[in-house]
Amino acid sequence: MRLIEHPSPNREPRLEGAAPDILLLHYTGMKSGPEALARLSDPEAKVSAHYLIEEDGRVFALVPEEERAWHAGLAFWAGESDINSRSIGIELVNPGHEFGYRPFPGAQIESLIQLAQAILSRHAIPAWRVLGHSDVAPLRKEDPGELFPWKTLAQAGIGLWSEAEKKDTRPLPQLLAALGYGYLRDDETAVIRAFQRHWLPEKLTGRLDEESKRRAAALLALIEAGA
């Protein structure tokens, strides 16, 4: 993993001494990596992340982990709305759904795994709090999207994955709220689709179906067991 220092001015102290307990993954959603790097470093744009990973595996360090980067925007997870103060953000160069969404190259994912493993060694971030932007902002965001290899990361000890199913009498929205999702009263379909995009990517229906319910119940059981 090549680490290249490229400081961004878009940073500030974490509020009230908050410590990172979320690792938040994004795609850049721009036409090129240099364009994304320039935007994340532009004081006029008022956006940033802690790291950006190019498709060839190069890693740019933009904001120190002890500081607050501006990557989550309006977001929510498990009762918290200031996600920027509680997270470390990694941007992956990918044109995204607007400009030609495509699979993430192996070199990029290998660098991500190495970087994420190092981050997790420094911070107490539980597996269930390794998330995508769409998880915390389901009404606005789709990234890193259904092509992102969450299972591969979990096999490397990064994040939570399960293909098990578990019966549960609770309705799916209640299970999703227990997992950490918000905005269910605003747009239940968008939240269900965000869950599916992460944990059931072959089924992006946004519907209240039994398969999604059983998968959510299995994930919640893992979390409750201490995953």
C-alpha atoms as a PDB file:
ATOM      1  CA  MET A   1       0.000   0.000   0.000  1.00  0.00           C
ATOM      2  CA  ARG A   2       1.465   3.335  -1.099  1.00  0.00           C
ATOM      3  CA  LEU A   3       0.539   6.212   1.238  1.00  0.00           C
ATOM      4  CA  ILE A   4       0.811   9.696  -0.266  1.00  0.00           C
ATOM      5  CA  GLU A   5       0.407  12.769   1.931  1.00  0.00           C
ATOM      6  CA  HIS A   6      -2.035  15.228   0.355  1.00  0.00           C
ATOM      7  CA  PRO A   7      -3.405  17.426   3.173  1.00  0.00           C
ATOM      8  CA  SER A   8      -6.889  18.858   2.773  1.00  0.00           C
ATOM      9  CA  PRO A   9      -7.804  22.140   4.476  1.00  0.00           C
ATOM     10  CA  ASN A  10     -11.336  20.843   5.005  1.00  0.00           C
ATOM     11  CA  ARG A  11     -11.029  19.631   8.587  1.00  0.00           C
ATOM     12  CA  GLU A  12     -11.778  20.604  12.159  1.00  0.00           C
ATOM     13  CA  PRO A  13     -11.630  19.129  15.676  1.00  0.00           C
ATOM     14  CA  ARG A  14     -14.010  16.290  16.473  1.00  0.00           C
ATOM     15  CA  LEU A  15     -16.885  17.666  18.514  1.00  0.00           C
ATOM     16  CA  GLU A  16     -16.826  17.186  22.286  1.00  0.00           C
ATOM     17  CA  GLY A  17     -13.822  14.906  22.109  1.00  0.00           C
ATOM     18  CA  ALA A  18     -15.680  12.199  20.166  1.00  0.00           C
ATOM     19  CA  ALA A  19     -13.588   9.163  19.278  1.00  0.00           C
ATOM     20  CA  PRO A  20     -14.032   7.313  15.966  1.00  0.00           C
ATOM     21  CA  ASP A  21     -16.272   4.266  16.291  1.00  0.00           C
ATOM     22  CA  ILE A  22     -17.502   4.110  12.672  1.00  0.00           C
ATOM     23  CA  LEU A  23     -15.541   3.341   9.509  1.00  0.00           C
ATOM     24  CA  LEU A  24     -17.497   4.873   6.635  1.00  0.00           C
ATOM     25  CA  LEU A  25     -16.841   3.863   3.028  1.00  0.00           C
ATOM     26  CA  HIS A  26     -17.753   5.909  -0.049  1.00  0.00           C
ATOM     27  CA  TYR A  27     -17.214   6.014  -3.750  1.00  0.00           C
ATOM     28  CA  THR A  28     -16.187   9.358  -5.236  1.00  0.00           C
ATOM     29  CA  GLY A  29     -18.929   9.443  -7.871  1.00  0.00           C
ATOM     30  CA  MET A  30     -16.834  11.668 -10.148  1.00  0.00           C
ATOM     31  CA  LYS A  31     -15.396  11.153 -13.619  1.00  0.00           C
ATOM     32  CA  SER A  32     -11.779  10.737 -12.507  1.00  0.00           C
ATOM     33  CA  GLY A  33      -9.559  10.287  -9.495  1.00  0.00           C
ATOM     34  CA  PRO A  34      -7.653  13.579  -9.963  1.00  0.00           C
ATOM     35  CA  GLU A  35     -10.979  15.430 -10.181  1.00  0.00           C
ATOM     36  CA  ALA A  36     -12.116  13.823  -6.922  1.00  0.00           C
ATOM     37  CA  LEU A  37      -8.806  14.531  -5.184  1.00  0.00           C
ATOM     38  CA  ALA A  38      -8.993  18.180  -6.212  1.00  0.00           C
ATOM     39  CA  ARG A  39     -12.539  18.521  -4.897  1.00  0.00           C
ATOM     40  CA  LEU A  40     -11.696  16.886  -1.571  1.00  0.00           C
ATOM     41  CA  SER A  41      -8.868  19.399  -1.188  1.00  0.00           C
ATOM     42  CA  ASP A  42     -10.770  22.505  -2.351  1.00  0.00           C
ATOM     43  CA  PRO A  43     -11.746  24.848   0.514  1.00  0.00           C
ATOM     44  CA  GLU A  44     -14.640  26.130  -1.591  1.00  0.00           C
ATOM     45  CA  ALA A  45     -16.127  22.625  -1.865  1.00  0.00           C
ATOM     46  CA  LYS A  46     -16.216  22.110   1.918  1.00  0.00           C
ATOM     47  CA  VAL A  47     -15.947  18.328   1.590  1.00  0.00           C
ATOM     48  CA  SER A  48     -13.154  15.948   2.525  1.00  0.00           C
ATOM     49  CA  ALA A  49     -12.358  12.467   3.757  1.00  0.00           C
ATOM     50  CA  HIS A  50      -9.520  11.005   5.755  1.00  0.00           C
ATOM     51  CA  TYR A  51      -8.286   8.932   2.830  1.00  0.00           C
ATOM     52  CA  LEU A  52      -8.827   8.504  -0.900  1.00  0.00           C
ATOM     53  CA  ILE A  53      -7.859   5.290  -2.697  1.00  0.00           C
ATOM     54  CA  GLU A  54      -7.180   5.373  -6.423  1.00  0.00           C
ATOM     55  CA  GLU A  55      -8.108   2.477  -8.688  1.00  0.00           C
ATOM     56  CA  ASP A  56      -4.429   1.515  -8.983  1.00  0.00           C
ATOM     57  CA  GLY A  57      -4.157   1.174  -5.208  1.00  0.00           C
ATOM     58  CA  ARG A  58      -2.448   4.450  -4.329  1.00  0.00           C
ATOM     59  CA  VAL A  59      -3.694   5.840  -1.026  1.00  0.00           C
ATOM     60  CA  PHE A  60      -3.862   9.587  -0.400  1.00  0.00           C
ATOM     61  CA  ALA A  61      -3.930  10.772   3.213  1.00  0.00           C
ATOM     62  CA  LEU A  62      -6.018  13.950   3.375  1.00  0.00           C
ATOM     63  CA  VAL A  63      -7.111  14.473   6.991  1.00  0.00           C
ATOM     64  CA  PRO A  64      -5.470  13.094  10.164  1.00  0.00           C
ATOM     65  CA  GLU A  65      -7.597  10.463  11.869  1.00  0.00           C
ATOM     66  CA  GLU A  66      -7.788  12.490  15.083  1.00  0.00           C
ATOM     67  CA  GLU A  67      -9.580  15.289  13.223  1.00  0.00           C
ATOM     68  CA  ARG A  68     -13.094  15.574  11.819  1.00  0.00           C
ATOM     69  CA  ALA A  69     -13.371  15.290   8.027  1.00  0.00           C
ATOM     70  CA  TRP A  70     -16.473  16.394   6.106  1.00  0.00           C
ATOM     71  CA  HIS A  71     -17.713  13.321   4.264  1.00  0.00           C
ATOM     72  CA  ALA A  72     -20.970  12.031   5.778  1.00  0.00           C
ATOM     73  CA  GLY A  73     -23.235  15.067   5.463  1.00  0.00           C
ATOM     74  CA  LEU A  74     -26.762  14.723   6.819  1.00  0.00           C
ATOM     75  CA  ALA A  75     -26.657  11.207   8.244  1.00  0.00           C
ATOM     76  CA  PHE A  76     -27.771   8.943  11.091  1.00  0.00           C
ATOM     77  CA  TRP A  77     -26.764   5.654  12.655  1.00  0.00           C
ATOM     78  CA  ALA A  78     -27.876   4.007  15.897  1.00  0.00           C
ATOM     79  CA  GLY A  79     -29.093   7.183  17.549  1.00  0.00           C
ATOM     80  CA  GLU A  80     -26.226   9.400  16.382  1.00  0.00           C
ATOM     81  CA  SER A  81     -26.543  12.197  13.824  1.00  0.00           C
ATOM     82  CA  ASP A  82     -23.049  13.758  13.909  1.00  0.00           C
ATOM     83  CA  ILE A  83     -21.499  10.913  11.953  1.00  0.00           C
ATOM     84  CA  ASN A  84     -18.488  13.006  10.922  1.00  0.00           C
ATOM     85  CA  SER A  85     -17.371  13.363  14.532  1.00  0.00           C
ATOM     86  CA  ARG A  86     -17.662   9.614  15.111  1.00  0.00           C
ATOM     87  CA  SER A  87     -16.207   8.255  11.890  1.00  0.00           C
ATOM     88  CA  ILE A  88     -13.188   7.803   9.688  1.00  0.00           C
ATOM     89  CA  GLY A  89     -14.068   8.260   6.031  1.00  0.00           C
ATOM     90  CA  ILE A  90     -12.481   6.512   3.060  1.00  0.00           C
ATOM     91  CA  GLU A  91     -13.297   7.517  -0.525  1.00  0.00           C
ATOM     92  CA  LEU A  92     -12.776   4.954  -3.302  1.00  0.00           C
ATOM     93  CA  VAL A  93     -12.282   6.321  -6.796  1.00  0.00           C
ATOM     94  CA  ASN A  94     -15.216   5.071  -8.870  1.00  0.00           C
ATOM     95  CA  PRO A  95     -17.429   7.054 -11.268  1.00  0.00           C
ATOM     96  CA  GLY A  96     -20.503   5.804  -9.447  1.00  0.00           C
ATOM     97  CA  HIS A  97     -24.025   5.341 -10.708  1.00  0.00           C
ATOM     98  CA  GLU A  98     -24.097   8.729 -12.429  1.00  0.00           C
ATOM     99  CA  PHE A  99     -20.971   8.341 -14.565  1.00  0.00           C
ATOM    100  CA  GLY A 100     -20.657   4.601 -15.249  1.00  0.00           C
ATOM    101  CA  TYR A 101     -20.592   2.526 -12.085  1.00  0.00           C
ATOM    102  CA  ARG A 102     -18.157  -0.366 -12.354  1.00  0.00           C
ATOM    103  CA  PRO A 103     -16.540  -3.060 -10.171  1.00  0.00           C
ATOM    104  CA  PHE A 104     -13.756  -1.984  -7.846  1.00  0.00           C
ATOM    105  CA  PRO A 105     -10.312  -3.154  -9.085  1.00  0.00           C
ATOM    106  CA  GLY A 106      -8.377  -5.716  -7.093  1.00  0.00           C
ATOM    107  CA  ALA A 107      -5.471  -3.351  -6.399  1.00  0.00           C
ATOM    108  CA  GLN A 108      -7.868  -0.805  -4.955  1.00  0.00           C
ATOM    109  CA  ILE A 109      -9.575  -3.338  -2.687  1.00  0.00           C
ATOM    110  CA  GLU A 110      -6.239  -4.758  -1.527  1.00  0.00           C
ATOM    111  CA  SER A 111      -5.118  -1.277  -0.470  1.00  0.00           C
ATOM    112  CA  LEU A 112      -8.460  -0.727   1.219  1.00  0.00           C
ATOM    113  CA  ILE A 113      -8.080  -3.953   3.195  1.00  0.00           C
ATOM    114  CA  GLN A 114      -4.580  -3.006   4.346  1.00  0.00           C
ATOM    115  CA  LEU A 115      -5.657   0.526   5.269  1.00  0.00           C
ATOM    116  CA  ALA A 116      -8.839  -0.595   7.036  1.00  0.00           C
ATOM    117  CA  GLN A 117      -6.996  -3.244   9.021  1.00  0.00           C
ATOM    118  CA  ALA A 118      -4.550  -0.592  10.206  1.00  0.00           C
ATOM    119  CA  ILE A 119      -7.392   1.766  11.145  1.00  0.00           C
ATOM    120  CA  LEU A 120      -9.197  -0.968  13.073  1.00  0.00           C
ATOM    121  CA  SER A 121      -5.978  -1.715  14.973  1.00  0.00           C
ATOM    122  CA  ARG A 122      -5.924   1.901  16.172  1.00  0.00           C
ATOM    123  CA  HIS A 123      -9.594   2.465  16.950  1.00  0.00           C
ATOM    124  CA  ALA A 124     -12.355   0.528  18.712  1.00  0.00           C
ATOM    125  CA  ILE A 125     -14.699   0.138  15.740  1.00  0.00           C
ATOM    126  CA  PRO A 126     -17.095  -2.831  15.970  1.00  0.00           C
ATOM    127  CA  ALA A 127     -17.754  -4.904  12.858  1.00  0.00           C
ATOM    128  CA  TRP A 128     -21.365  -3.725  12.626  1.00  0.00           C
ATOM    129  CA  ARG A 129     -20.167  -0.120  12.437  1.00  0.00           C
ATOM    130  CA  VAL A 130     -18.136  -0.621   9.252  1.00  0.00           C
ATOM    131  CA  LEU A 131     -20.674   0.981   6.933  1.00  0.00           C
ATOM    132  CA  GLY A 132     -21.392   2.457   3.543  1.00  0.00           C
ATOM    133  CA  HIS A 133     -22.520   6.008   2.952  1.00  0.00           C
ATOM    134  CA  SER A 134     -25.887   4.681   1.836  1.00  0.00           C
ATOM    135  CA  ASP A 135     -26.362   2.998   5.219  1.00  0.00           C
ATOM    136  CA  VAL A 136     -26.167   6.276   7.124  1.00  0.00           C
ATOM    137  CA  ALA A 137     -27.764   8.467   4.428  1.00  0.00           C
ATOM    138  CA  PRO A 138     -30.212   6.154   2.603  1.00  0.00           C
ATOM    139  CA  LEU A 139     -32.414   8.954   1.292  1.00  0.00           C
ATOM    140  CA  ARG A 140     -29.510  10.673  -0.484  1.00  0.00           C
ATOM    141  CA  LYS A 141     -26.748   8.200  -1.243  1.00  0.00           C
ATOM    142  CA  GLU A 142     -26.136   4.887  -3.043  1.00  0.00           C
ATOM    143  CA  ASP A 143     -22.419   4.484  -2.414  1.00  0.00           C
ATOM    144  CA  PRO A 144     -20.315   2.457  -2.318  1.00  0.00           C
ATOM    145  CA  GLY A 145     -23.082   0.511  -4.042  1.00  0.00           C
ATOM    146  CA  GLU A 146     -24.158  -3.015  -4.837  1.00  0.00           C
ATOM    147  CA  LEU A 147     -20.867  -3.898  -6.596  1.00  0.00           C
ATOM    148  CA  PHE A 148     -18.803  -3.228  -3.504  1.00  0.00           C
ATOM    149  CA  PRO A 149     -17.259  -6.484  -2.130  1.00  0.00           C
ATOM    150  CA  TRP A 150     -18.459  -6.375   1.481  1.00  0.00           C
ATOM    151  CA  LYS A 151     -18.044 -10.145   1.810  1.00  0.00           C
ATOM    152  CA  THR A 152     -14.368  -9.940   0.785  1.00  0.00           C
ATOM    153  CA  LEU A 153     -13.739  -7.284   3.418  1.00  0.00           C
ATOM    154  CA  ALA A 154     -15.495  -9.324   6.102  1.00  0.00           C
ATOM    155  CA  GLN A 155     -13.336 -12.320   5.239  1.00  0.00           C
ATOM    156  CA  ALA A 156     -10.334 -10.060   5.949  1.00  0.00           C
ATOM    157  CA  GLY A 157     -11.760  -9.126   9.337  1.00  0.00           C
ATOM    158  CA  ILE A 158     -13.342  -5.857   8.237  1.00  0.00           C
ATOM    159  CA  GLY A 159     -17.052  -5.422   8.823  1.00  0.00           C
ATOM    160  CA  LEU A 160     -19.978  -7.750   9.303  1.00  0.00           C
ATOM    161  CA  TRP A 161     -21.284 -10.268   6.778  1.00  0.00           C
ATOM    162  CA  SER A 162     -23.699 -13.158   6.948  1.00  0.00           C
ATOM    163  CA  GLU A 163     -25.531 -15.249   4.402  1.00  0.00           C
ATOM    164  CA  ALA A 164     -27.485 -16.994   7.136  1.00  0.00           C
ATOM    165  CA  GLU A 165     -31.188 -16.527   7.679  1.00  0.00           C
ATOM    166  CA  LYS A 166     -33.055 -16.399  10.961  1.00  0.00           C
ATOM    167  CA  LYS A 167     -36.755 -16.331  11.709  1.00  0.00           C
ATOM    168  CA  ASP A 168     -37.996 -13.384  13.737  1.00  0.00           C
ATOM    169  CA  THR A 169     -41.489 -12.211  14.586  1.00  0.00           C
ATOM    170  CA  ARG A 170     -40.569  -8.531  14.386  1.00  0.00           C
ATOM    171  CA  PRO A 171     -41.365  -6.644  11.166  1.00  0.00           C
ATOM    172  CA  LEU A 172     -38.470  -5.732   8.894  1.00  0.00           C
ATOM    173  CA  PRO A 173     -38.528  -1.976   9.692  1.00  0.00           C
ATOM    174  CA  GLN A 174     -38.176  -2.772  13.390  1.00  0.00           C
ATOM    175  CA  LEU A 175     -35.221  -5.047  12.683  1.00  0.00           C
ATOM    176  CA  LEU A 176     -33.573  -2.365  10.545  1.00  0.00           C
ATOM    177  CA  ALA A 177     -34.006   0.214  13.295  1.00  0.00           C
ATOM    178  CA  ALA A 178     -32.394  -2.215  15.734  1.00  0.00           C
ATOM    179  CA  LEU A 179     -29.454  -2.610  13.322  1.00  0.00           C
ATOM    180  CA  GLY A 180     -28.958   1.168  13.376  1.00  0.00           C
ATOM    181  CA  TYR A 181     -30.863   2.492  10.358  1.00  0.00           C
ATOM    182  CA  GLY A 182     -32.781   5.742  10.550  1.00  0.00           C
ATOM    183  CA  TYR A 183     -35.176   7.633   8.272  1.00  0.00           C
ATOM    184  CA  LEU A 184     -37.686   4.766   8.229  1.00  0.00           C
ATOM    185  CA  ARG A 185     -40.568   7.179   8.791  1.00  0.00           C
ATOM    186  CA  ASP A 186     -39.395   9.339   5.890  1.00  0.00           C
ATOM    187  CA  ASP A 187     -38.946   6.693   3.193  1.00  0.00           C
ATOM    188  CA  GLU A 188     -39.156   3.063   4.249  1.00  0.00           C
ATOM    189  CA  THR A 189     -38.502   1.815   0.720  1.00  0.00           C
ATOM    190  CA  ALA A 190     -35.223   3.739   0.416  1.00  0.00           C
ATOM    191  CA  VAL A 191     -34.001   2.404   3.763  1.00  0.00           C
ATOM    192  CA  ILE A 192     -34.848  -1.196   2.867  1.00  0.00           C
ATOM    193  CA  ARG A 193     -33.038  -0.752  -0.440  1.00  0.00           C
ATOM    194  CA  ALA A 194     -29.978   0.631   1.398  1.00  0.00           C
ATOM    195  CA  PHE A 195     -29.959  -2.445   3.627  1.00  0.00           C
ATOM    196  CA  GLN A 196     -30.230  -4.697   0.584  1.00  0.00           C
ATOM    197  CA  ARG A 197     -27.480  -2.783  -1.222  1.00  0.00           C
ATOM    198  CA  HIS A 198     -25.096  -3.685   1.605  1.00  0.00           C
ATOM    199  CA  TRP A 199     -26.229  -7.128   2.764  1.00  0.00           C
ATOM    200  CA  LEU A 200     -28.414  -8.516  -0.040  1.00  0.00           C
ATOM    201  CA  PRO A 201     -27.023  -6.843  -3.186  1.00  0.00           C
ATOM    202  CA  GLU A 202     -28.602  -9.283  -5.605  1.00  0.00           C
ATOM    203  CA  LYS A 203     -32.039  -8.088  -4.494  1.00  0.00           C
ATOM    204  CA  LEU A 204     -32.497  -4.312  -4.682  1.00  0.00           C
ATOM    205  CA  THR A 205     -36.274  -4.241  -4.507  1.00  0.00           C
ATOM    206  CA  GLY A 206     -36.884  -2.019  -1.497  1.00  0.00           C
ATOM    207  CA  ARG A 207     -39.757  -4.328  -0.603  1.00  0.00           C
ATOM    208  CA  LEU A 208     -40.850  -5.823   2.691  1.00  0.00           C
ATOM    209  CA  ASP A 209     -39.955  -9.409   1.810  1.00  0.00           C
ATOM    210  CA  GLU A 210     -39.184 -12.428   3.957  1.00  0.00           C
ATOM    211  CA  GLU A 211     -35.654 -12.955   2.643  1.00  0.00           C
ATOM    212  CA  SER A 212     -34.593  -9.455   3.675  1.00  0.00           C
ATOM    213  CA  LYS A 213     -36.285  -9.929   7.029  1.00  0.00           C
ATOM    214  CA  ARG A 214     -34.493 -13.222   7.714  1.00  0.00           C
ATOM    215  CA  ARG A 215     -31.122 -11.761   6.667  1.00  0.00           C
ATOM    216  CA  ALA A 216     -31.622  -8.727   8.915  1.00  0.00           C
ATOM    217  CA  ALA A 217     -32.568 -10.988  11.819  1.00  0.00           C
ATOM    218  CA  ALA A 218     -29.441 -13.099  11.317  1.00  0.00           C
ATOM    219  CA  LEU A 219     -27.212 -10.010  11.283  1.00  0.00           C
ATOM    220  CA  LEU A 220     -28.877  -8.652  14.396  1.00  0.00           C
ATOM    221  CA  ALA A 221     -28.323 -11.977  16.143  1.00  0.00           C
ATOM    222  CA  LEU A 222     -24.600 -11.722  15.326  1.00  0.00           C
ATOM    223  CA  ILE A 223     -24.435  -8.214  16.747  1.00  0.00           C
ATOM    224  CA  GLU A 224     -26.291  -9.227  19.886  1.00  0.00           C
ATOM    225  CA  ALA A 225     -23.818 -12.087  20.279  1.00  0.00           C
ATOM    226  CA  GLY A 226     -20.957  -9.572  20.272  1.00  0.00           C
ATOM    227  CA  ALA A 227     -19.858  -9.421  16.621  1.00  0.00           C
END
